[in-house]
Amino acid sequence: MNPVLTVAGIVAPVAVLALFAFGGIGRAVWLTLLRTALCLGVGAVVAWGLQLDPVAAAVLILQVSTPVAVTQYMLAAKYGGDAEAVAGLVIVSTLMAVATLPLTLAFLI
């Protein structure tokens, strides 16, 4: 049994529990909804403005609607940003992507 893999496996559940425990879930949900809506809108406008073919437009829109990356948390923590808010965004956007990405894909096809 690899201890690194064991620790890595419990990080996400612990982070979700910490987010609920410290009450940051509401802010993270609203920020995730705002980010998703803005990214979908901007992606659609850029695809329309560049007159992309339907497949390229769908790829662009789907790509910009993916969840927030963990890298942004590390950058926020390193450079003095609001790391707690970013951590909430990472967790909530990943969980919400389970529903939003298939819906986006269904709309684009």
PDB file of N, CA and C in Angstrom:
ATOM      1  N   MET A   1       0.854  -1.178   0.000  1.00  0.00           N
ATOM      2  CA  MET A   1       0.000   0.000   0.000  1.00  0.00           C
ATOM      3  C   MET A   1       0.899   1.241   0.000  1.00  0.00           C
ATOM      4  N   ASN A   2       0.606   2.146  -0.895  1.00  0.00           N
ATOM      5  CA  ASN A   2       1.402   3.350  -1.060  1.00  0.00           C
ATOM      6  C   ASN A   2       0.814   4.467  -0.183  1.00  0.00           C
ATOM      7  N   PRO A   3       1.567   4.980   0.793  1.00  0.00           N
ATOM      8  CA  PRO A   3       1.019   6.018   1.680  1.00  0.00           C
ATOM      9  C   PRO A   3       0.714   7.318   0.953  1.00  0.00           C
ATOM     10  N   VAL A   4       1.455   7.631  -0.096  1.00  0.00           N
ATOM     11  CA  VAL A   4       1.194   8.867  -0.845  1.00  0.00           C
ATOM     12  C   VAL A   4      -0.170   8.788  -1.528  1.00  0.00           C
ATOM     13  N   LEU A   5      -0.457   7.637  -2.127  1.00  0.00           N
ATOM     14  CA  LEU A   5      -1.760   7.470  -2.777  1.00  0.00           C
ATOM     15  C   LEU A   5      -2.895   7.472  -1.758  1.00  0.00           C
ATOM     16  N   THR A   6      -2.651   6.934  -0.589  1.00  0.00           N
ATOM     17  CA  THR A   6      -3.666   6.937   0.461  1.00  0.00           C
ATOM     18  C   THR A   6      -3.996   8.363   0.888  1.00  0.00           C
ATOM     19  N   VAL A   7      -2.971   9.163   1.123  1.00  0.00           N
ATOM     20  CA  VAL A   7      -3.184  10.563   1.510  1.00  0.00           C
ATOM     21  C   VAL A   7      -3.849  11.327   0.375  1.00  0.00           C
ATOM     22  N   ALA A   8      -3.396  11.091  -0.860  1.00  0.00           N
ATOM     23  CA  ALA A   8      -3.989  11.783  -2.006  1.00  0.00           C
ATOM     24  C   ALA A   8      -5.467  11.437  -2.150  1.00  0.00           C
ATOM     25  N   GLY A   9      -5.835  10.218  -1.817  1.00  0.00           N
ATOM     26  CA  GLY A   9      -7.222   9.797  -1.933  1.00  0.00           C
ATOM     27  C   GLY A   9      -8.162  10.443  -0.932  1.00  0.00           C
ATOM     28  N   ILE A  10      -7.642  10.914   0.195  1.00  0.00           N
ATOM     29  CA  ILE A  10      -8.524  11.514   1.204  1.00  0.00           C
ATOM     30  C   ILE A  10      -8.532  13.042   1.149  1.00  0.00           C
ATOM     31  N   VAL A  11      -7.736  13.632   0.292  1.00  0.00           N
ATOM     32  CA  VAL A  11      -7.655  15.100   0.253  1.00  0.00           C
ATOM     33  C   VAL A  11      -8.977  15.717  -0.173  1.00  0.00           C
ATOM     34  N   ALA A  12      -9.580  15.246  -1.254  1.00  0.00           N
ATOM     35  CA  ALA A  12     -10.819  15.852  -1.746  1.00  0.00           C
ATOM     36  C   ALA A  12     -11.966  15.724  -0.743  1.00  0.00           C
ATOM     37  N   PRO A  13     -12.221  14.543  -0.176  1.00  0.00           N
ATOM     38  CA  PRO A  13     -13.306  14.482   0.819  1.00  0.00           C
ATOM     39  C   PRO A  13     -13.074  15.380   2.037  1.00  0.00           C
ATOM     40  N   VAL A  14     -11.843  15.463   2.486  1.00  0.00           N
ATOM     41  CA  VAL A  14     -11.533  16.327   3.632  1.00  0.00           C
ATOM     42  C   VAL A  14     -11.750  17.788   3.257  1.00  0.00           C
ATOM     43  N   ALA A  15     -11.367  18.158   2.041  1.00  0.00           N
ATOM     44  CA  ALA A  15     -11.564  19.540   1.596  1.00  0.00           C
ATOM     45  C   ALA A  15     -13.043  19.884   1.521  1.00  0.00           C
ATOM     46  N   VAL A  16     -13.862  18.956   1.048  1.00  0.00           N
ATOM     47  CA  VAL A  16     -15.309  19.196   0.995  1.00  0.00           C
ATOM     48  C   VAL A  16     -15.872  19.367   2.404  1.00  0.00           C
ATOM     49  N   LEU A  17     -15.454  18.511   3.318  1.00  0.00           N
ATOM     50  CA  LEU A  17     -15.916  18.633   4.703  1.00  0.00           C
ATOM     51  C   LEU A  17     -15.477  19.956   5.327  1.00  0.00           C
ATOM     52  N   ALA A  18     -14.256  20.371   5.051  1.00  0.00           N
ATOM     53  CA  ALA A  18     -13.766  21.649   5.579  1.00  0.00           C
ATOM     54  C   ALA A  18     -14.563  22.814   5.015  1.00  0.00           C
ATOM     55  N   LEU A  19     -14.912  22.726   3.746  1.00  0.00           N
ATOM     56  CA  LEU A  19     -15.691  23.788   3.121  1.00  0.00           C
ATOM     57  C   LEU A  19     -17.062  23.914   3.781  1.00  0.00           C
ATOM     58  N   PHE A  20     -17.711  22.769   4.044  1.00  0.00           N
ATOM     59  CA  PHE A  20     -19.002  22.796   4.723  1.00  0.00           C
ATOM     60  C   PHE A  20     -18.849  23.270   6.160  1.00  0.00           C
ATOM     61  N   ALA A  21     -17.787  22.844   6.826  1.00  0.00           N
ATOM     62  CA  ALA A  21     -17.588  23.189   8.234  1.00  0.00           C
ATOM     63  C   ALA A  21     -17.371  24.680   8.432  1.00  0.00           C
ATOM     64  N   PHE A  22     -16.686  25.326   7.508  1.00  0.00           N
ATOM     65  CA  PHE A  22     -16.380  26.746   7.675  1.00  0.00           C
ATOM     66  C   PHE A  22     -17.380  27.653   6.980  1.00  0.00           C
ATOM     67  N   GLY A  23     -18.431  27.088   6.405  1.00  0.00           N
ATOM     68  CA  GLY A  23     -19.525  27.900   5.870  1.00  0.00           C
ATOM     69  C   GLY A  23     -19.226  28.611   4.569  1.00  0.00           C
ATOM     70  N   GLY A  24     -18.243  28.181   3.826  1.00  0.00           N
ATOM     71  CA  GLY A  24     -17.911  28.854   2.577  1.00  0.00           C
ATOM     72  C   GLY A  24     -18.629  28.301   1.368  1.00  0.00           C
ATOM     73  N   ILE A  25     -19.568  27.413   1.579  1.00  0.00           N
ATOM     74  CA  ILE A  25     -20.225  26.746   0.467  1.00  0.00           C
ATOM     75  C   ILE A  25     -21.127  27.690  -0.327  1.00  0.00           C
ATOM     76  N   GLY A  26     -21.840  28.571   0.352  1.00  0.00           N
ATOM     77  CA  GLY A  26     -22.746  29.481  -0.341  1.00  0.00           C
ATOM     78  C   GLY A  26     -22.015  30.402  -1.294  1.00  0.00           C
ATOM     79  N   ARG A  27     -20.954  30.982  -0.828  1.00  0.00           N
ATOM     80  CA  ARG A  27     -20.158  31.883  -1.673  1.00  0.00           C
ATOM     81  C   ARG A  27     -19.558  31.128  -2.853  1.00  0.00           C
ATOM     82  N   ALA A  28     -19.070  29.926  -2.593  1.00  0.00           N
ATOM     83  CA  ALA A  28     -18.455  29.131  -3.655  1.00  0.00           C
ATOM     84  C   ALA A  28     -19.480  28.743  -4.718  1.00  0.00           C
ATOM     85  N   VAL A  29     -20.699  28.422  -4.292  1.00  0.00           N
ATOM     86  CA  VAL A  29     -21.741  28.056  -5.257  1.00  0.00           C
ATOM     87  C   VAL A  29     -22.080  29.241  -6.145  1.00  0.00           C
ATOM     88  N   TRP A  30     -22.277  30.403  -5.536  1.00  0.00           N
ATOM     89  CA  TRP A  30     -22.629  31.579  -6.339  1.00  0.00           C
ATOM     90  C   TRP A  30     -21.493  31.978  -7.272  1.00  0.00           C
ATOM     91  N   LEU A  31     -20.267  31.928  -6.794  1.00  0.00           N
ATOM     92  CA  LEU A  31     -19.134  32.252  -7.661  1.00  0.00           C
ATOM     93  C   LEU A  31     -18.989  31.242  -8.798  1.00  0.00           C
ATOM     94  N   THR A  32     -19.255  29.985  -8.509  1.00  0.00           N
ATOM     95  CA  THR A  32     -19.181  28.958  -9.550  1.00  0.00           C
ATOM     96  C   THR A  32     -20.275  29.159 -10.593  1.00  0.00           C
ATOM     97  N   LEU A  33     -21.484  29.463 -10.146  1.00  0.00           N
ATOM     98  CA  LEU A  33     -22.565  29.724 -11.094  1.00  0.00           C
ATOM     99  C   LEU A  33     -22.263  30.946 -11.956  1.00  0.00           C
ATOM    100  N   LEU A  34     -21.746  31.992 -11.331  1.00  0.00           N
ATOM    101  CA  LEU A  34     -21.383  33.202 -12.071  1.00  0.00           C
ATOM    102  C   LEU A  34     -20.277  32.908 -13.076  1.00  0.00           C
ATOM    103  N   ARG A  35     -19.246  32.188 -12.643  1.00  0.00           N
ATOM    104  CA  ARG A  35     -18.135  31.853 -13.528  1.00  0.00           C
ATOM    105  C   ARG A  35     -18.602  31.004 -14.704  1.00  0.00           C
ATOM    106  N   THR A  36     -19.445  30.016 -14.432  1.00  0.00           N
ATOM    107  CA  THR A  36     -19.937  29.147 -15.495  1.00  0.00           C
ATOM    108  C   THR A  36     -20.747  29.932 -16.516  1.00  0.00           C
ATOM    109  N   ALA A  37     -21.647  30.784 -16.046  1.00  0.00           N
ATOM    110  CA  ALA A  37     -22.473  31.582 -16.952  1.00  0.00           C
ATOM    111  C   ALA A  37     -21.617  32.535 -17.782  1.00  0.00           C
ATOM    112  N   LEU A  38     -20.667  33.211 -17.123  1.00  0.00           N
ATOM    113  CA  LEU A  38     -19.803  34.139 -17.856  1.00  0.00           C
ATOM    114  C   LEU A  38     -18.938  33.421 -18.889  1.00  0.00           C
ATOM    115  N   CYS A  39     -18.382  32.290 -18.501  1.00  0.00           N
ATOM    116  CA  CYS A  39     -17.523  31.551 -19.433  1.00  0.00           C
ATOM    117  C   CYS A  39     -18.306  31.025 -20.623  1.00  0.00           C
ATOM    118  N   LEU A  40     -19.509  30.518 -20.381  1.00  0.00           N
ATOM    119  CA  LEU A  40     -20.348  30.052 -21.484  1.00  0.00           C
ATOM    120  C   LEU A  40     -20.703  31.206 -22.421  1.00  0.00           C
ATOM    121  N   GLY A  41     -21.065  32.339 -21.839  1.00  0.00           N
ATOM    122  CA  GLY A  41     -21.410  33.503 -22.651  1.00  0.00           C
ATOM    123  C   GLY A  41     -20.243  34.032 -23.448  1.00  0.00           C
ATOM    124  N   VAL A  42     -19.106  34.178 -22.800  1.00  0.00           N
ATOM    125  CA  VAL A  42     -17.912  34.688 -23.495  1.00  0.00           C
ATOM    126  C   VAL A  42     -17.470  33.703 -24.579  1.00  0.00           C
ATOM    127  N   GLY A  43     -17.508  32.413 -24.272  1.00  0.00           N
ATOM    128  CA  GLY A  43     -17.140  31.405 -25.268  1.00  0.00           C
ATOM    129  C   GLY A  43     -18.043  31.461 -26.488  1.00  0.00           C
ATOM    130  N   ALA A  44     -19.352  31.619 -26.256  1.00  0.00           N
ATOM    131  CA  ALA A  44     -20.301  31.701 -27.373  1.00  0.00           C
ATOM    132  C   ALA A  44     -20.070  32.958 -28.203  1.00  0.00           C
ATOM    133  N   VAL A  45     -19.823  34.083 -27.546  1.00  0.00           N
ATOM    134  CA  VAL A  45     -19.581  35.340 -28.274  1.00  0.00           C
ATOM    135  C   VAL A  45     -18.291  35.255 -29.088  1.00  0.00           C
ATOM    136  N   VAL A  46     -17.240  34.692 -28.508  1.00  0.00           N
ATOM    137  CA  VAL A  46     -15.971  34.548 -29.230  1.00  0.00           C
ATOM    138  C   VAL A  46     -16.141  33.601 -30.417  1.00  0.00           C
ATOM    139  N   ALA A  47     -16.835  32.487 -30.218  1.00  0.00           N
ATOM    140  CA  ALA A  47     -17.072  31.546 -31.310  1.00  0.00           C
ATOM    141  C   ALA A  47     -17.871  32.205 -32.432  1.00  0.00           C
ATOM    142  N   TRP A  48     -18.875  32.990 -32.059  1.00  0.00           N
ATOM    143  CA  TRP A  48     -19.666  33.698 -33.055  1.00  0.00           C
ATOM    144  C   TRP A  48     -18.832  34.775 -33.752  1.00  0.00           C
ATOM    145  N   GLY A  49     -18.058  35.517 -32.965  1.00  0.00           N
ATOM    146  CA  GLY A  49     -17.241  36.587 -33.533  1.00  0.00           C
ATOM    147  C   GLY A  49     -16.162  36.079 -34.476  1.00  0.00           C
ATOM    148  N   LEU A  50     -15.596  34.930 -34.181  1.00  0.00           N
ATOM    149  CA  LEU A  50     -14.573  34.336 -35.046  1.00  0.00           C
ATOM    150  C   LEU A  50     -15.177  33.482 -36.154  1.00  0.00           C
ATOM    151  N   GLN A  51     -16.491  33.376 -36.174  1.00  0.00           N
ATOM    152  CA  GLN A  51     -17.224  32.590 -37.162  1.00  0.00           C
ATOM    153  C   GLN A  51     -16.678  31.163 -37.257  1.00  0.00           C
ATOM    154  N   LEU A  52     -16.543  30.546 -36.094  1.00  0.00           N
ATOM    155  CA  LEU A  52     -16.040  29.177 -36.044  1.00  0.00           C
ATOM    156  C   LEU A  52     -17.098  28.209 -36.564  1.00  0.00           C
ATOM    157  N   ASP A  53     -16.624  27.110 -37.142  1.00  0.00           N
ATOM    158  CA  ASP A  53     -17.571  26.081 -37.563  1.00  0.00           C
ATOM    159  C   ASP A  53     -18.177  25.453 -36.304  1.00  0.00           C
ATOM    160  N   PRO A  54     -19.300  24.762 -36.422  1.00  0.00           N
ATOM    161  CA  PRO A  54     -19.998  24.262 -35.228  1.00  0.00           C
ATOM    162  C   PRO A  54     -19.158  23.361 -34.321  1.00  0.00           C
ATOM    163  N   VAL A  55     -18.316  22.517 -34.883  1.00  0.00           N
ATOM    164  CA  VAL A  55     -17.503  21.631 -34.043  1.00  0.00           C
ATOM    165  C   VAL A  55     -16.474  22.440 -33.262  1.00  0.00           C
ATOM    166  N   ALA A  56     -15.787  23.352 -33.911  1.00  0.00           N
ATOM    167  CA  ALA A  56     -14.791  24.178 -33.223  1.00  0.00           C
ATOM    168  C   ALA A  56     -15.449  25.059 -32.169  1.00  0.00           C
ATOM    169  N   ALA A  57     -16.622  25.589 -32.475  1.00  0.00           N
ATOM    170  CA  ALA A  57     -17.346  26.413 -31.496  1.00  0.00           C
ATOM    171  C   ALA A  57     -17.735  25.574 -30.273  1.00  0.00           C
ATOM    172  N   ALA A  58     -18.203  24.352 -30.510  1.00  0.00           N
ATOM    173  CA  ALA A  58     -18.581  23.475 -29.404  1.00  0.00           C
ATOM    174  C   ALA A  58     -17.378  23.134 -28.544  1.00  0.00           C
ATOM    175  N   VAL A  59     -16.235  22.870 -29.164  1.00  0.00           N
ATOM    176  CA  VAL A  59     -15.013  22.568 -28.408  1.00  0.00           C
ATOM    177  C   VAL A  59     -14.600  23.772 -27.564  1.00  0.00           C
ATOM    178  N   LEU A  60     -14.634  24.958 -28.156  1.00  0.00           N
ATOM    179  CA  LEU A  60     -14.264  26.172 -27.415  1.00  0.00           C
ATOM    180  C   LEU A  60     -15.191  26.392 -26.222  1.00  0.00           C
ATOM    181  N   ILE A  61     -16.484  26.302 -26.445  1.00  0.00           N
ATOM    182  CA  ILE A  61     -17.448  26.546 -25.375  1.00  0.00           C
ATOM    183  C   ILE A  61     -17.327  25.494 -24.282  1.00  0.00           C
ATOM    184  N   LEU A  62     -17.147  24.246 -24.673  1.00  0.00           N
ATOM    185  CA  LEU A  62     -16.992  23.188 -23.675  1.00  0.00           C
ATOM    186  C   LEU A  62     -15.705  23.363 -22.881  1.00  0.00           C
ATOM    187  N   GLN A  63     -14.638  23.763 -23.554  1.00  0.00           N
ATOM    188  CA  GLN A  63     -13.350  23.942 -22.884  1.00  0.00           C
ATOM    189  C   GLN A  63     -13.395  25.065 -21.845  1.00  0.00           C
ATOM    190  N   VAL A  64     -14.039  26.174 -22.166  1.00  0.00           N
ATOM    191  CA  VAL A  64     -14.078  27.287 -21.208  1.00  0.00           C
ATOM    192  C   VAL A  64     -15.051  27.034 -20.062  1.00  0.00           C
ATOM    193  N   SER A  65     -15.899  26.007 -20.199  1.00  0.00           N
ATOM    194  CA  SER A  65     -16.847  25.727 -19.126  1.00  0.00           C
ATOM    195  C   SER A  65     -16.370  24.616 -18.185  1.00  0.00           C
ATOM    196  N   THR A  66     -15.134  24.192 -18.336  1.00  0.00           N
ATOM    197  CA  THR A  66     -14.594  23.167 -17.442  1.00  0.00           C
ATOM    198  C   THR A  66     -14.347  23.744 -16.046  1.00  0.00           C
ATOM    199  N   PRO A  67     -14.210  22.884 -15.031  1.00  0.00           N
ATOM    200  CA  PRO A  67     -14.042  23.374 -13.655  1.00  0.00           C
ATOM    201  C   PRO A  67     -12.736  24.152 -13.440  1.00  0.00           C
ATOM    202  N   VAL A  68     -12.717  24.885 -12.352  1.00  0.00           N
ATOM    203  CA  VAL A  68     -11.529  25.634 -11.945  1.00  0.00           C
ATOM    204  C   VAL A  68     -10.411  24.639 -11.619  1.00  0.00           C
ATOM    205  N   ALA A  69      -9.199  24.944 -12.038  1.00  0.00           N
ATOM    206  CA  ALA A  69      -8.069  24.044 -11.819  1.00  0.00           C
ATOM    207  C   ALA A  69      -7.442  24.264 -10.442  1.00  0.00           C
ATOM    208  N   VAL A  70      -6.851  23.223  -9.921  1.00  0.00           N
ATOM    209  CA  VAL A  70      -6.185  23.287  -8.619  1.00  0.00           C
ATOM    210  C   VAL A  70      -4.994  24.244  -8.674  1.00  0.00           C
ATOM    211  N   THR A  71      -4.425  24.416  -9.853  1.00  0.00           N
ATOM    212  CA  THR A  71      -3.282  25.326 -10.018  1.00  0.00           C
ATOM    213  C   THR A  71      -3.624  26.735  -9.543  1.00  0.00           C
ATOM    214  N   GLN A  72      -4.853  27.158  -9.775  1.00  0.00           N
ATOM    215  CA  GLN A  72      -5.248  28.496  -9.347  1.00  0.00           C
ATOM    216  C   GLN A  72      -5.229  28.636  -7.836  1.00  0.00           C
ATOM    217  N   TYR A  73      -5.535  27.555  -7.120  1.00  0.00           N
ATOM    218  CA  TYR A  73      -5.447  27.589  -5.659  1.00  0.00           C
ATOM    219  C   TYR A  73      -4.001  27.788  -5.224  1.00  0.00           C
ATOM    220  N   MET A  74      -3.090  27.048  -5.847  1.00  0.00           N
ATOM    221  CA  MET A  74      -1.678  27.168  -5.479  1.00  0.00           C
ATOM    222  C   MET A  74      -1.152  28.576  -5.768  1.00  0.00           C
ATOM    223  N   LEU A  75      -1.569  29.153  -6.879  1.00  0.00           N
ATOM    224  CA  LEU A  75      -1.137  30.519  -7.200  1.00  0.00           C
ATOM    225  C   LEU A  75      -1.722  31.526  -6.217  1.00  0.00           C
ATOM    226  N   ALA A  76      -2.992  31.349  -5.856  1.00  0.00           N
ATOM    227  CA  ALA A  76      -3.614  32.266  -4.896  1.00  0.00           C
ATOM    228  C   ALA A  76      -2.934  32.172  -3.536  1.00  0.00           C
ATOM    229  N   ALA A  77      -2.611  30.962  -3.111  1.00  0.00           N
ATOM    230  CA  ALA A  77      -1.941  30.789  -1.818  1.00  0.00           C
ATOM    231  C   ALA A  77      -0.538  31.382  -1.844  1.00  0.00           C
ATOM    232  N   LYS A  78       0.161  31.191  -2.940  1.00  0.00           N
ATOM    233  CA  LYS A  78       1.546  31.672  -3.031  1.00  0.00           C
ATOM    234  C   LYS A  78       1.623  33.193  -3.103  1.00  0.00           C
ATOM    235  N   TYR A  79       0.710  33.802  -3.838  1.00  0.00           N
ATOM    236  CA  TYR A  79       0.805  35.248  -4.067  1.00  0.00           C
ATOM    237  C   TYR A  79      -0.164  36.073  -3.238  1.00  0.00           C
ATOM    238  N   GLY A  80      -0.700  35.486  -2.168  1.00  0.00           N
ATOM    239  CA  GLY A  80      -1.502  36.261  -1.224  1.00  0.00           C
ATOM    240  C   GLY A  80      -2.936  36.510  -1.644  1.00  0.00           C
ATOM    241  N   GLY A  81      -3.465  35.717  -2.560  1.00  0.00           N
ATOM    242  CA  GLY A  81      -4.862  35.856  -2.965  1.00  0.00           C
ATOM    243  C   GLY A  81      -5.786  35.216  -1.951  1.00  0.00           C
ATOM    244  N   ASP A  82      -7.047  35.210  -2.247  1.00  0.00           N
ATOM    245  CA  ASP A  82      -8.042  34.613  -1.364  1.00  0.00           C
ATOM    246  C   ASP A  82      -8.073  33.105  -1.612  1.00  0.00           C
ATOM    247  N   ALA A  83      -7.141  32.397  -1.006  1.00  0.00           N
ATOM    248  CA  ALA A  83      -6.981  30.959  -1.241  1.00  0.00           C
ATOM    249  C   ALA A  83      -8.205  30.169  -0.794  1.00  0.00           C
ATOM    250  N   GLU A  84      -8.882  30.610   0.268  1.00  0.00           N
ATOM    251  CA  GLU A  84     -10.068  29.892   0.737  1.00  0.00           C
ATOM    252  C   GLU A  84     -11.185  29.948  -0.293  1.00  0.00           C
ATOM    253  N   ALA A  85     -11.381  31.118  -0.893  1.00  0.00           N
ATOM    254  CA  ALA A  85     -12.416  31.247  -1.921  1.00  0.00           C
ATOM    255  C   ALA A  85     -12.069  30.401  -3.139  1.00  0.00           C
ATOM    256  N   VAL A  86     -10.806  30.392  -3.510  1.00  0.00           N
ATOM    257  CA  VAL A  86     -10.387  29.602  -4.663  1.00  0.00           C
ATOM    258  C   VAL A  86     -10.540  28.114  -4.372  1.00  0.00           C
ATOM    259  N   ALA A  87     -10.213  27.691  -3.155  1.00  0.00           N
ATOM    260  CA  ALA A  87     -10.392  26.281  -2.782  1.00  0.00           C
ATOM    261  C   ALA A  87     -11.863  25.892  -2.888  1.00  0.00           C
ATOM    262  N   GLY A  88     -12.725  26.767  -2.443  1.00  0.00           N
ATOM    263  CA  GLY A  88     -14.157  26.507  -2.569  1.00  0.00           C
ATOM    264  C   GLY A  88     -14.587  26.410  -4.017  1.00  0.00           C
ATOM    265  N   LEU A  89     -14.045  27.292  -4.852  1.00  0.00           N
ATOM    266  CA  LEU A  89     -14.371  27.250  -6.281  1.00  0.00           C
ATOM    267  C   LEU A  89     -13.902  25.950  -6.921  1.00  0.00           C
ATOM    268  N   VAL A  90     -12.713  25.501  -6.555  1.00  0.00           N
ATOM    269  CA  VAL A  90     -12.186  24.256  -7.125  1.00  0.00           C
ATOM    270  C   VAL A  90     -13.119  23.099  -6.794  1.00  0.00           C
ATOM    271  N   ILE A  91     -13.497  22.991  -5.542  1.00  0.00           N
ATOM    272  CA  ILE A  91     -14.330  21.864  -5.106  1.00  0.00           C
ATOM    273  C   ILE A  91     -15.735  21.963  -5.691  1.00  0.00           C
ATOM    274  N   VAL A  92     -16.361  23.109  -5.532  1.00  0.00           N
ATOM    275  CA  VAL A  92     -17.745  23.258  -5.982  1.00  0.00           C
ATOM    276  C   VAL A  92     -17.840  23.190  -7.499  1.00  0.00           C
ATOM    277  N   SER A  93     -16.913  23.825  -8.219  1.00  0.00           N
ATOM    278  CA  SER A  93     -16.990  23.785  -9.681  1.00  0.00           C
ATOM    279  C   SER A  93     -16.765  22.376 -10.209  1.00  0.00           C
ATOM    280  N   THR A  94     -15.933  21.603  -9.538  1.00  0.00           N
ATOM    281  CA  THR A  94     -15.727  20.217  -9.955  1.00  0.00           C
ATOM    282  C   THR A  94     -16.986  19.394  -9.712  1.00  0.00           C
ATOM    283  N   LEU A  95     -17.605  19.570  -8.554  1.00  0.00           N
ATOM    284  CA  LEU A  95     -18.845  18.838  -8.269  1.00  0.00           C
ATOM    285  C   LEU A  95     -19.979  19.274  -9.196  1.00  0.00           C
ATOM    286  N   MET A  96     -20.091  20.570  -9.456  1.00  0.00           N
ATOM    287  CA  MET A  96     -21.154  21.064 -10.335  1.00  0.00           C
ATOM    288  C   MET A  96     -20.915  20.679 -11.795  1.00  0.00           C
ATOM    289  N   ALA A  97     -19.667  20.460 -12.168  1.00  0.00           N
ATOM    290  CA  ALA A  97     -19.358  20.078 -13.546  1.00  0.00           C
ATOM    291  C   ALA A  97     -19.951  18.727 -13.905  1.00  0.00           C
ATOM    292  N   VAL A  98     -20.195  17.906 -12.897  1.00  0.00           N
ATOM    293  CA  VAL A  98     -20.830  16.609 -13.144  1.00  0.00           C
ATOM    294  C   VAL A  98     -22.195  16.819 -13.804  1.00  0.00           C
ATOM    295  N   ALA A  99     -22.871  17.895 -13.471  1.00  0.00           N
ATOM    296  CA  ALA A  99     -24.170  18.199 -14.072  1.00  0.00           C
ATOM    297  C   ALA A  99     -24.060  19.165 -15.241  1.00  0.00           C
ATOM    298  N   THR A 100     -23.219  20.200 -15.107  1.00  0.00           N
ATOM    299  CA  THR A 100     -23.198  21.248 -16.128  1.00  0.00           C
ATOM    300  C   THR A 100     -22.515  20.830 -17.428  1.00  0.00           C
ATOM    301  N   LEU A 101     -21.458  20.044 -17.352  1.00  0.00           N
ATOM    302  CA  LEU A 101     -20.771  19.649 -18.593  1.00  0.00           C
ATOM    303  C   LEU A 101     -21.644  18.768 -19.487  1.00  0.00           C
ATOM    304  N   PRO A 102     -22.332  17.743 -18.962  1.00  0.00           N
ATOM    305  CA  PRO A 102     -23.221  16.980 -19.841  1.00  0.00           C
ATOM    306  C   PRO A 102     -24.372  17.827 -20.417  1.00  0.00           C
ATOM    307  N   LEU A 103     -24.889  18.751 -19.616  1.00  0.00           N
ATOM    308  CA  LEU A 103     -25.953  19.629 -20.128  1.00  0.00           C
ATOM    309  C   LEU A 103     -25.431  20.539 -21.224  1.00  0.00           C
ATOM    310  N   THR A 104     -24.247  21.081 -21.026  1.00  0.00           N
ATOM    311  CA  THR A 104     -23.639  21.934 -22.052  1.00  0.00           C
ATOM    312  C   THR A 104     -23.390  21.137 -23.326  1.00  0.00           C
ATOM    313  N   LEU A 105     -22.855  19.956 -23.168  1.00  0.00           N
ATOM    314  CA  LEU A 105     -22.576  19.098 -24.321  1.00  0.00           C
ATOM    315  C   LEU A 105     -23.866  18.733 -25.041  1.00  0.00           C
ATOM    316  N   ALA A 106     -24.926  18.416 -24.295  1.00  0.00           N
ATOM    317  CA  ALA A 106     -26.206  18.075 -24.912  1.00  0.00           C
ATOM    318  C   ALA A 106     -26.770  19.265 -25.684  1.00  0.00           C
ATOM    319  N   PHE A 107     -26.589  20.472 -25.149  1.00  0.00           N
ATOM    320  CA  PHE A 107     -27.081  21.675 -25.828  1.00  0.00           C
ATOM    321  C   PHE A 107     -26.280  21.942 -27.108  1.00  0.00           C
ATOM    322  N   LEU A 108     -24.988  21.656 -27.086  1.00  0.00           N
ATOM    323  CA  LEU A 108     -24.132  21.962 -28.225  1.00  0.00           C
ATOM    324  C   LEU A 108     -24.263  20.958 -29.372  1.00  0.00           C
ATOM    325  N   ILE A 109     -24.700  19.745 -29.046  1.00  0.00           N
ATOM    326  CA  ILE A 109     -24.786  18.718 -30.108  1.00  0.00           C
ATOM    327  C   ILE A 109     -26.058  18.861 -30.892  1.00  0.00           C
TER     328      ILE A 109
END
